[in-house]
N, C-alpha and C. Protein backbone atom coordinates (compact mmCIF):
# COMPACT_ATOMS: atom_id res chain seq x y z
N MET A 1 6.62 -14.75 44.78
CA MET A 1 6.51 -13.75 43.73
C MET A 1 5.40 -14.17 42.78
N ASP A 2 4.60 -13.20 42.33
CA ASP A 2 3.44 -13.45 41.48
C ASP A 2 3.89 -13.55 40.02
N ASP A 3 3.42 -14.59 39.29
CA ASP A 3 3.80 -14.77 37.89
C ASP A 3 2.86 -14.06 36.92
N SER A 4 1.86 -13.37 37.44
CA SER A 4 0.91 -12.71 36.53
C SER A 4 1.56 -11.51 35.84
N LYS A 5 1.00 -11.14 34.72
CA LYS A 5 1.54 -10.04 33.91
C LYS A 5 0.83 -8.72 34.20
N GLU A 6 0.17 -8.64 35.33
CA GLU A 6 -0.57 -7.43 35.67
C GLU A 6 0.38 -6.28 35.95
N GLY A 7 0.02 -5.07 35.48
CA GLY A 7 0.81 -3.88 35.75
C GLY A 7 0.55 -3.37 37.15
N THR A 8 1.20 -2.32 37.53
CA THR A 8 1.04 -1.79 38.88
C THR A 8 -0.30 -1.12 39.08
N ARG A 9 -0.97 -0.75 38.02
CA ARG A 9 -2.26 -0.07 38.13
C ARG A 9 -3.44 -1.03 37.98
N GLY A 10 -3.19 -2.32 37.94
CA GLY A 10 -4.29 -3.27 37.91
C GLY A 10 -4.81 -3.58 36.51
N ARG A 11 -4.07 -3.21 35.49
CA ARG A 11 -4.50 -3.59 34.14
C ARG A 11 -3.34 -4.28 33.45
N PRO A 12 -3.67 -5.25 32.63
CA PRO A 12 -2.60 -5.98 31.93
C PRO A 12 -1.82 -5.06 30.99
N PRO A 13 -0.53 -5.31 30.84
CA PRO A 13 0.26 -4.46 29.92
C PRO A 13 -0.27 -4.61 28.49
N GLY A 14 -0.22 -3.51 27.76
CA GLY A 14 -0.68 -3.53 26.38
C GLY A 14 -2.13 -3.13 26.21
N THR A 15 -2.88 -3.10 27.30
CA THR A 15 -4.28 -2.67 27.18
C THR A 15 -4.35 -1.16 27.40
N PRO A 16 -5.13 -0.47 26.58
CA PRO A 16 -5.20 0.99 26.72
C PRO A 16 -5.88 1.38 28.03
N LYS A 17 -5.45 2.51 28.60
CA LYS A 17 -6.09 2.94 29.83
C LYS A 17 -7.43 3.57 29.51
N LYS A 18 -8.33 3.48 30.45
CA LYS A 18 -9.67 3.97 30.19
C LYS A 18 -9.69 5.50 30.21
N PRO A 19 -10.41 6.12 29.28
CA PRO A 19 -10.42 7.58 29.21
C PRO A 19 -11.20 8.19 30.37
N ARG A 20 -10.85 9.40 30.72
CA ARG A 20 -11.58 10.11 31.76
C ARG A 20 -12.94 10.54 31.25
N LYS A 21 -13.87 10.71 32.15
CA LYS A 21 -15.20 11.21 31.78
C LYS A 21 -15.04 12.70 31.45
N VAL A 22 -15.56 13.09 30.30
CA VAL A 22 -15.38 14.45 29.82
C VAL A 22 -16.24 15.42 30.64
N SER A 23 -15.65 16.57 30.96
CA SER A 23 -16.34 17.64 31.68
C SER A 23 -15.70 18.96 31.27
N PRO A 24 -16.35 20.08 31.54
CA PRO A 24 -15.73 21.36 31.18
C PRO A 24 -14.35 21.54 31.83
N ARG A 25 -14.23 21.16 33.07
CA ARG A 25 -12.95 21.30 33.78
C ARG A 25 -11.87 20.42 33.16
N TYR A 26 -12.24 19.18 32.84
CA TYR A 26 -11.29 18.26 32.21
C TYR A 26 -10.82 18.81 30.86
N LEU A 27 -11.75 19.32 30.07
CA LEU A 27 -11.40 19.87 28.76
C LEU A 27 -10.47 21.08 28.90
N GLU A 28 -10.76 21.93 29.88
CA GLU A 28 -9.91 23.11 30.09
C GLU A 28 -8.49 22.70 30.49
N ASN A 29 -8.39 21.74 31.40
CA ASN A 29 -7.06 21.27 31.81
C ASN A 29 -6.31 20.63 30.64
N ALA A 30 -7.02 19.84 29.83
CA ALA A 30 -6.40 19.20 28.67
C ALA A 30 -5.93 20.26 27.67
N ALA A 31 -6.75 21.28 27.45
CA ALA A 31 -6.40 22.34 26.50
C ALA A 31 -5.18 23.12 26.99
N LEU A 32 -5.15 23.47 28.25
CA LEU A 32 -4.02 24.22 28.79
C LEU A 32 -2.73 23.39 28.73
N HIS A 33 -2.86 22.12 29.04
CA HIS A 33 -1.69 21.24 28.96
C HIS A 33 -1.18 21.15 27.52
N TYR A 34 -2.08 21.03 26.57
CA TYR A 34 -1.70 20.96 25.16
C TYR A 34 -1.04 22.26 24.71
N LEU A 35 -1.61 23.39 25.10
CA LEU A 35 -1.07 24.68 24.68
C LEU A 35 0.28 24.98 25.34
N LYS A 36 0.53 24.39 26.50
CA LYS A 36 1.83 24.53 27.14
C LYS A 36 2.91 23.86 26.31
N ARG A 37 2.55 22.74 25.68
CA ARG A 37 3.52 21.95 24.93
C ARG A 37 3.64 22.37 23.47
N TYR A 38 2.54 22.83 22.85
CA TYR A 38 2.54 23.11 21.42
C TYR A 38 1.89 24.44 21.11
N ALA A 39 2.42 25.13 20.12
CA ALA A 39 1.71 26.29 19.57
C ALA A 39 0.63 25.71 18.66
N ALA A 40 -0.58 26.22 18.74
CA ALA A 40 -1.67 25.62 17.99
C ALA A 40 -2.66 26.67 17.52
N THR A 41 -3.37 26.33 16.44
CA THR A 41 -4.46 27.17 15.98
C THR A 41 -5.73 26.72 16.69
N VAL A 42 -6.77 27.52 16.56
CA VAL A 42 -8.06 27.18 17.15
C VAL A 42 -8.54 25.85 16.58
N SER A 43 -8.40 25.71 15.28
CA SER A 43 -8.84 24.49 14.60
C SER A 43 -8.11 23.26 15.12
N GLN A 44 -6.81 23.37 15.29
CA GLN A 44 -6.02 22.25 15.80
C GLN A 44 -6.46 21.86 17.21
N LEU A 45 -6.61 22.85 18.07
CA LEU A 45 -7.00 22.55 19.45
C LEU A 45 -8.38 21.90 19.49
N LYS A 46 -9.29 22.40 18.66
CA LYS A 46 -10.63 21.79 18.62
C LYS A 46 -10.55 20.33 18.19
N ARG A 47 -9.70 20.03 17.20
CA ARG A 47 -9.55 18.65 16.75
C ARG A 47 -9.05 17.76 17.89
N VAL A 48 -8.07 18.25 18.64
CA VAL A 48 -7.52 17.48 19.75
C VAL A 48 -8.60 17.24 20.81
N LEU A 49 -9.31 18.30 21.16
CA LEU A 49 -10.34 18.17 22.19
C LEU A 49 -11.50 17.27 21.73
N LEU A 50 -11.86 17.36 20.46
CA LEU A 50 -12.95 16.52 19.95
C LEU A 50 -12.56 15.04 19.95
N ARG A 51 -11.29 14.74 19.71
CA ARG A 51 -10.85 13.35 19.82
C ARG A 51 -11.02 12.85 21.25
N LYS A 52 -10.67 13.71 22.22
CA LYS A 52 -10.84 13.33 23.62
C LYS A 52 -12.31 13.13 23.95
N VAL A 53 -13.15 14.03 23.47
CA VAL A 53 -14.59 13.94 23.71
C VAL A 53 -15.14 12.64 23.12
N ASP A 54 -14.82 12.37 21.87
CA ASP A 54 -15.34 11.17 21.21
C ASP A 54 -14.89 9.89 21.91
N ARG A 55 -13.63 9.86 22.30
CA ARG A 55 -13.12 8.67 23.00
C ARG A 55 -13.83 8.48 24.34
N SER A 56 -14.02 9.58 25.06
CA SER A 56 -14.71 9.49 26.35
C SER A 56 -16.18 9.07 26.17
N LEU A 57 -16.83 9.64 25.17
CA LEU A 57 -18.24 9.31 24.96
C LEU A 57 -18.41 7.86 24.51
N ARG A 58 -17.48 7.33 23.74
CA ARG A 58 -17.56 5.92 23.34
C ARG A 58 -17.48 5.02 24.57
N PHE A 59 -16.67 5.42 25.54
CA PHE A 59 -16.46 4.58 26.71
C PHE A 59 -17.53 4.81 27.78
N HIS A 60 -17.83 6.08 28.08
CA HIS A 60 -18.72 6.42 29.19
C HIS A 60 -20.15 6.74 28.74
N GLY A 61 -20.32 7.09 27.47
CA GLY A 61 -21.64 7.54 27.01
C GLY A 61 -21.82 9.01 27.39
N GLY A 62 -22.88 9.61 26.90
CA GLY A 62 -23.15 11.00 27.22
C GLY A 62 -23.67 11.74 26.01
N ASP A 63 -23.82 13.05 26.16
CA ASP A 63 -24.40 13.90 25.11
C ASP A 63 -23.28 14.62 24.35
N ARG A 64 -23.14 14.31 23.06
CA ARG A 64 -22.07 14.91 22.26
C ARG A 64 -22.31 16.40 22.02
N THR A 65 -23.56 16.80 21.83
CA THR A 65 -23.83 18.22 21.54
C THR A 65 -23.45 19.09 22.74
N GLU A 66 -23.70 18.59 23.94
CA GLU A 66 -23.32 19.34 25.14
C GLU A 66 -21.79 19.48 25.21
N ALA A 67 -21.10 18.39 24.91
CA ALA A 67 -19.63 18.41 24.94
C ALA A 67 -19.09 19.37 23.87
N LEU A 68 -19.72 19.40 22.71
CA LEU A 68 -19.29 20.32 21.65
C LEU A 68 -19.49 21.77 22.08
N GLN A 69 -20.54 22.05 22.81
CA GLN A 69 -20.76 23.40 23.35
C GLN A 69 -19.66 23.76 24.34
N TRP A 70 -19.25 22.80 25.15
CA TRP A 70 -18.16 23.05 26.10
C TRP A 70 -16.88 23.39 25.36
N VAL A 71 -16.59 22.64 24.28
CA VAL A 71 -15.37 22.88 23.50
C VAL A 71 -15.42 24.28 22.88
N ASP A 72 -16.56 24.65 22.29
CA ASP A 72 -16.69 25.98 21.68
C ASP A 72 -16.53 27.09 22.72
N ALA A 73 -17.17 26.93 23.87
CA ALA A 73 -17.07 27.93 24.93
C ALA A 73 -15.62 28.05 25.42
N LEU A 74 -14.94 26.92 25.53
CA LEU A 74 -13.56 26.91 26.00
C LEU A 74 -12.64 27.62 25.00
N THR A 75 -12.79 27.33 23.71
CA THR A 75 -11.92 27.98 22.72
C THR A 75 -12.19 29.49 22.67
N ASP A 76 -13.46 29.88 22.81
CA ASP A 76 -13.77 31.32 22.88
C ASP A 76 -13.08 31.96 24.08
N LYS A 77 -13.11 31.29 25.21
CA LYS A 77 -12.47 31.80 26.43
C LYS A 77 -10.95 31.93 26.24
N LEU A 78 -10.34 30.92 25.63
CA LEU A 78 -8.89 30.95 25.41
C LEU A 78 -8.50 32.07 24.45
N ILE A 79 -9.32 32.32 23.44
CA ILE A 79 -9.05 33.42 22.50
C ILE A 79 -9.19 34.76 23.23
N ARG A 80 -10.25 34.90 24.02
CA ARG A 80 -10.48 36.14 24.79
C ARG A 80 -9.32 36.43 25.73
N ASN A 81 -8.80 35.39 26.35
CA ASN A 81 -7.70 35.57 27.31
C ASN A 81 -6.34 35.67 26.65
N GLY A 82 -6.29 35.58 25.33
CA GLY A 82 -5.04 35.76 24.61
C GLY A 82 -4.13 34.54 24.59
N LEU A 83 -4.65 33.38 24.98
CA LEU A 83 -3.82 32.17 24.97
C LEU A 83 -3.76 31.53 23.59
N MET A 84 -4.68 31.92 22.72
CA MET A 84 -4.68 31.42 21.34
C MET A 84 -4.88 32.58 20.40
N ASN A 85 -4.07 32.62 19.34
CA ASN A 85 -4.18 33.70 18.37
C ASN A 85 -3.70 33.17 17.02
N ASP A 86 -4.66 32.92 16.12
CA ASP A 86 -4.31 32.38 14.80
C ASP A 86 -3.43 33.34 14.01
N GLN A 87 -3.64 34.65 14.18
CA GLN A 87 -2.82 35.65 13.47
C GLN A 87 -1.35 35.50 13.87
N ALA A 88 -1.10 35.47 15.16
CA ALA A 88 0.27 35.37 15.65
C ALA A 88 0.90 34.04 15.26
N TYR A 89 0.11 32.96 15.37
CA TYR A 89 0.61 31.64 15.00
C TYR A 89 1.01 31.61 13.53
N ALA A 90 0.13 32.11 12.67
CA ALA A 90 0.39 32.09 11.23
C ALA A 90 1.60 32.96 10.88
N GLY A 91 1.74 34.11 11.52
CA GLY A 91 2.88 34.98 11.26
C GLY A 91 4.18 34.32 11.64
N GLN A 92 4.20 33.72 12.83
CA GLN A 92 5.42 33.06 13.31
C GLN A 92 5.77 31.87 12.42
N LYS A 93 4.77 31.06 12.07
CA LYS A 93 5.00 29.86 11.26
C LYS A 93 5.48 30.24 9.85
N ALA A 94 4.85 31.25 9.26
CA ALA A 94 5.24 31.68 7.92
C ALA A 94 6.68 32.21 7.91
N GLN A 95 7.04 33.01 8.90
CA GLN A 95 8.41 33.54 8.99
C GLN A 95 9.42 32.40 9.15
N SER A 96 9.10 31.47 10.01
CA SER A 96 10.00 30.36 10.28
C SER A 96 10.19 29.48 9.05
N LEU A 97 9.10 29.15 8.39
CA LEU A 97 9.20 28.31 7.20
C LEU A 97 9.94 29.03 6.08
N ARG A 98 9.69 30.32 5.92
CA ARG A 98 10.34 31.08 4.85
C ARG A 98 11.84 31.18 5.12
N ALA A 99 12.22 31.41 6.37
CA ALA A 99 13.64 31.51 6.72
C ALA A 99 14.36 30.19 6.49
N SER A 100 13.62 29.07 6.57
CA SER A 100 14.24 27.77 6.34
C SER A 100 14.23 27.37 4.87
N GLY A 101 13.75 28.29 3.99
CA GLY A 101 13.84 28.05 2.57
C GLY A 101 12.61 27.41 1.95
N ARG A 102 11.47 27.53 2.57
CA ARG A 102 10.25 26.94 2.01
C ARG A 102 9.61 27.89 1.02
N SER A 103 8.97 27.31 0.01
CA SER A 103 8.31 28.11 -1.04
C SER A 103 6.98 28.64 -0.54
N ALA A 104 6.47 29.63 -1.24
CA ALA A 104 5.18 30.22 -0.88
C ALA A 104 4.07 29.18 -0.93
N ARG A 105 4.13 28.29 -1.93
CA ARG A 105 3.11 27.23 -2.04
C ARG A 105 3.11 26.33 -0.83
N VAL A 106 4.28 25.91 -0.41
CA VAL A 106 4.39 25.00 0.73
C VAL A 106 3.90 25.68 2.01
N ILE A 107 4.29 26.94 2.19
CA ILE A 107 3.88 27.67 3.40
C ILE A 107 2.36 27.80 3.43
N ALA A 108 1.77 28.21 2.31
CA ALA A 108 0.31 28.37 2.25
C ALA A 108 -0.38 27.04 2.53
N GLN A 109 0.12 25.97 1.96
CA GLN A 109 -0.49 24.66 2.18
C GLN A 109 -0.40 24.23 3.64
N LYS A 110 0.76 24.42 4.25
CA LYS A 110 0.92 24.02 5.65
C LYS A 110 -0.02 24.83 6.56
N LEU A 111 -0.14 26.13 6.31
CA LEU A 111 -1.02 26.95 7.14
C LEU A 111 -2.49 26.56 6.94
N ARG A 112 -2.88 26.28 5.70
CA ARG A 112 -4.26 25.85 5.45
C ARG A 112 -4.55 24.54 6.15
N MET A 113 -3.58 23.63 6.15
CA MET A 113 -3.77 22.34 6.81
C MET A 113 -3.92 22.50 8.32
N LYS A 114 -3.34 23.55 8.88
CA LYS A 114 -3.46 23.81 10.31
C LYS A 114 -4.78 24.50 10.65
N GLY A 115 -5.56 24.86 9.62
CA GLY A 115 -6.86 25.46 9.88
C GLY A 115 -6.85 26.97 9.94
N VAL A 116 -5.83 27.61 9.42
CA VAL A 116 -5.76 29.07 9.41
C VAL A 116 -6.64 29.59 8.27
N ALA A 117 -7.37 30.67 8.53
CA ALA A 117 -8.27 31.25 7.53
C ALA A 117 -7.49 31.72 6.30
N PRO A 118 -8.07 31.58 5.09
CA PRO A 118 -7.36 31.94 3.85
C PRO A 118 -6.87 33.40 3.81
N GLU A 119 -7.66 34.34 4.35
CA GLU A 119 -7.21 35.74 4.32
C GLU A 119 -6.00 35.97 5.22
N ILE A 120 -5.94 35.26 6.34
CA ILE A 120 -4.78 35.36 7.23
C ILE A 120 -3.57 34.73 6.55
N VAL A 121 -3.78 33.61 5.86
CA VAL A 121 -2.68 32.93 5.15
C VAL A 121 -2.06 33.88 4.14
N SER A 122 -2.89 34.51 3.31
CA SER A 122 -2.34 35.38 2.27
C SER A 122 -1.65 36.60 2.86
N GLU A 123 -2.20 37.15 3.95
CA GLU A 123 -1.58 38.31 4.60
C GLU A 123 -0.20 37.96 5.18
N LYS A 124 -0.13 36.87 5.92
CA LYS A 124 1.13 36.48 6.57
C LYS A 124 2.16 35.99 5.55
N LEU A 125 1.68 35.38 4.47
CA LEU A 125 2.60 34.95 3.42
C LEU A 125 3.22 36.15 2.72
N ALA A 126 2.42 37.19 2.51
CA ALA A 126 2.95 38.41 1.90
C ALA A 126 4.01 39.06 2.79
N GLU A 127 3.75 39.07 4.10
CA GLU A 127 4.73 39.63 5.05
C GLU A 127 6.04 38.82 5.02
N ALA A 128 5.92 37.49 5.01
CA ALA A 128 7.12 36.64 5.01
C ALA A 128 7.89 36.80 3.70
N THR A 129 7.17 36.95 2.59
CA THR A 129 7.82 37.10 1.29
C THR A 129 8.49 38.46 1.17
N ALA A 130 7.98 39.47 1.86
CA ALA A 130 8.61 40.79 1.84
C ALA A 130 9.99 40.73 2.49
N GLU A 131 10.13 39.87 3.50
CA GLU A 131 11.42 39.74 4.18
C GLU A 131 12.39 38.84 3.42
N VAL A 132 11.90 37.70 2.93
CA VAL A 132 12.73 36.74 2.21
C VAL A 132 12.03 36.43 0.89
N SER A 133 12.63 36.82 -0.22
CA SER A 133 12.00 36.62 -1.53
C SER A 133 11.95 35.14 -1.90
N GLU A 134 11.18 34.82 -2.92
CA GLU A 134 11.07 33.44 -3.40
C GLU A 134 12.43 32.93 -3.89
N ASP A 135 13.18 33.79 -4.59
CA ASP A 135 14.52 33.40 -5.07
C ASP A 135 15.47 33.12 -3.90
N ALA A 136 15.41 33.97 -2.90
CA ALA A 136 16.28 33.78 -1.73
C ALA A 136 15.91 32.49 -1.00
N ALA A 137 14.61 32.21 -0.90
CA ALA A 137 14.17 30.97 -0.25
C ALA A 137 14.63 29.75 -1.05
N ALA A 138 14.53 29.84 -2.37
CA ALA A 138 14.99 28.73 -3.22
C ALA A 138 16.49 28.51 -3.06
N ARG A 139 17.22 29.60 -2.94
CA ARG A 139 18.67 29.50 -2.75
C ARG A 139 18.98 28.84 -1.40
N ILE A 140 18.24 29.22 -0.36
CA ILE A 140 18.42 28.60 0.96
C ILE A 140 18.15 27.10 0.88
N TRP A 141 17.04 26.73 0.21
CA TRP A 141 16.66 25.32 0.10
C TRP A 141 17.72 24.54 -0.69
N ALA A 142 18.19 25.12 -1.78
CA ALA A 142 19.22 24.45 -2.60
C ALA A 142 20.50 24.26 -1.79
N ARG A 143 20.86 25.25 -0.99
CA ARG A 143 22.07 25.13 -0.16
C ARG A 143 21.89 24.03 0.88
N LYS A 144 20.72 23.99 1.52
CA LYS A 144 20.47 22.96 2.54
C LYS A 144 20.49 21.56 1.96
N LYS A 145 19.97 21.42 0.75
CA LYS A 145 19.88 20.10 0.11
C LYS A 145 21.05 19.80 -0.81
N ARG A 146 22.00 20.75 -0.87
CA ARG A 146 23.19 20.62 -1.72
C ARG A 146 22.82 20.35 -3.18
N LEU A 147 22.02 21.25 -3.73
CA LEU A 147 21.60 21.15 -5.12
C LEU A 147 22.35 22.17 -5.97
N GLY A 148 22.51 21.86 -7.26
CA GLY A 148 23.09 22.81 -8.20
C GLY A 148 24.45 23.32 -7.79
N PRO A 149 24.59 24.64 -7.65
CA PRO A 149 25.91 25.22 -7.35
C PRO A 149 26.41 24.86 -5.95
N PHE A 150 25.57 24.26 -5.13
CA PHE A 150 25.98 23.91 -3.76
C PHE A 150 26.41 22.45 -3.64
N ARG A 151 26.50 21.74 -4.74
CA ARG A 151 26.97 20.35 -4.71
C ARG A 151 28.45 20.32 -4.32
N ARG A 152 28.83 19.28 -3.63
CA ARG A 152 30.23 19.15 -3.22
C ARG A 152 31.13 18.89 -4.42
N ASP A 153 30.64 18.07 -5.34
CA ASP A 153 31.43 17.68 -6.50
C ASP A 153 30.97 18.49 -7.71
N ALA A 154 31.81 19.38 -8.18
CA ALA A 154 31.46 20.26 -9.30
C ALA A 154 31.22 19.50 -10.59
N GLN A 155 31.91 18.36 -10.79
CA GLN A 155 31.72 17.60 -12.02
C GLN A 155 30.33 16.97 -12.11
N SER A 156 29.77 16.57 -10.99
CA SER A 156 28.45 15.92 -11.02
C SER A 156 27.31 16.92 -11.16
N ARG A 157 27.63 18.18 -11.13
CA ARG A 157 26.60 19.21 -11.18
C ARG A 157 25.76 19.13 -12.46
N GLN A 158 26.41 19.03 -13.62
CA GLN A 158 25.69 19.00 -14.90
C GLN A 158 24.89 17.71 -15.07
N GLU A 159 25.45 16.59 -14.67
CA GLU A 159 24.72 15.33 -14.84
C GLU A 159 23.53 15.21 -13.90
N ASN A 160 23.52 15.95 -12.82
CA ASN A 160 22.39 15.93 -11.89
C ASN A 160 21.46 17.14 -12.04
N ARG A 161 21.63 17.89 -13.10
CA ARG A 161 20.83 19.12 -13.30
C ARG A 161 19.34 18.83 -13.28
N GLN A 162 18.88 17.83 -14.04
CA GLN A 162 17.45 17.51 -14.10
C GLN A 162 16.92 17.09 -12.72
N ARG A 163 17.71 16.30 -12.04
CA ARG A 163 17.32 15.83 -10.71
C ARG A 163 17.19 17.02 -9.75
N ASP A 164 18.12 17.96 -9.85
CA ASP A 164 18.08 19.13 -8.98
C ASP A 164 16.88 20.03 -9.30
N LEU A 165 16.60 20.20 -10.59
CA LEU A 165 15.42 20.99 -10.98
C LEU A 165 14.15 20.34 -10.44
N ALA A 166 14.08 19.02 -10.54
CA ALA A 166 12.91 18.29 -10.04
C ALA A 166 12.78 18.44 -8.52
N ALA A 167 13.90 18.41 -7.82
CA ALA A 167 13.87 18.54 -6.36
C ALA A 167 13.31 19.91 -5.96
N LEU A 168 13.73 20.97 -6.65
CA LEU A 168 13.21 22.30 -6.35
C LEU A 168 11.73 22.41 -6.73
N ALA A 169 11.33 21.76 -7.82
CA ALA A 169 9.92 21.77 -8.20
C ALA A 169 9.08 21.06 -7.15
N ARG A 170 9.55 19.94 -6.64
CA ARG A 170 8.82 19.23 -5.58
C ARG A 170 8.74 20.07 -4.30
N ALA A 171 9.71 20.93 -4.10
CA ALA A 171 9.71 21.81 -2.93
C ALA A 171 8.77 22.99 -3.13
N GLY A 172 8.12 23.08 -4.30
CA GLY A 172 7.11 24.10 -4.53
C GLY A 172 7.57 25.33 -5.29
N PHE A 173 8.78 25.32 -5.80
CA PHE A 173 9.28 26.49 -6.53
C PHE A 173 8.93 26.36 -8.01
N SER A 174 8.74 27.48 -8.68
CA SER A 174 8.41 27.47 -10.10
C SER A 174 9.62 27.01 -10.90
N PHE A 175 9.37 26.61 -12.15
CA PHE A 175 10.47 26.15 -13.01
C PHE A 175 11.47 27.29 -13.26
N ALA A 176 10.95 28.49 -13.47
CA ALA A 176 11.84 29.64 -13.74
C ALA A 176 12.76 29.89 -12.55
N THR A 177 12.20 29.84 -11.35
CA THR A 177 13.00 30.05 -10.15
C THR A 177 14.03 28.93 -9.98
N ALA A 178 13.58 27.70 -10.18
CA ALA A 178 14.47 26.55 -10.03
C ALA A 178 15.62 26.64 -11.04
N LYS A 179 15.29 26.99 -12.27
CA LYS A 179 16.31 27.08 -13.32
C LYS A 179 17.34 28.16 -12.98
N LYS A 180 16.84 29.30 -12.48
CA LYS A 180 17.73 30.41 -12.11
C LYS A 180 18.72 29.99 -11.01
N ILE A 181 18.23 29.24 -10.03
CA ILE A 181 19.08 28.82 -8.90
C ILE A 181 20.05 27.72 -9.33
N ILE A 182 19.56 26.71 -10.03
CA ILE A 182 20.40 25.57 -10.40
C ILE A 182 21.48 25.99 -11.41
N ASP A 183 21.13 26.87 -12.35
CA ASP A 183 22.10 27.31 -13.36
C ASP A 183 22.94 28.48 -12.88
N GLY A 184 22.64 28.99 -11.69
CA GLY A 184 23.33 30.18 -11.19
C GLY A 184 24.70 29.89 -10.68
């Protein structure tokens, strides 16, 4: 029996595997695999693909501008074929976050961080707010976190009032909304 620490693929354990050489076909396969697993915006997918490109170019060398053109062409193709749609993604994400009790500020911030255009963010946020108001979302959040009237122990409610108001403020709700929910 061999005492060496070599893995079955001929590389020592703990060493990173070498990246594949980037090509249009490789990028397309990587993008499709990623989209199968995660809902993503165009911006997110580009970030993922650019990390792959950069890693491959560091190892194998090559022309970055050509690879960037491949990424742009691929994202355009995916949008044309309906596999990526920032409008649909933003709508679904805004609805989901609002139903779980997130504030308008938090939803807008999360969508902006995902690379959704500001006009789409405001449109989808308005739609989500039409279904679940800011007060209703704050009430959902307070219930989930057991704040204010949702505390198990009614006696500790008054002594934890400031803490509960602060928790709702950190969750992105205005002071007026937080006060209404906690004192309600």
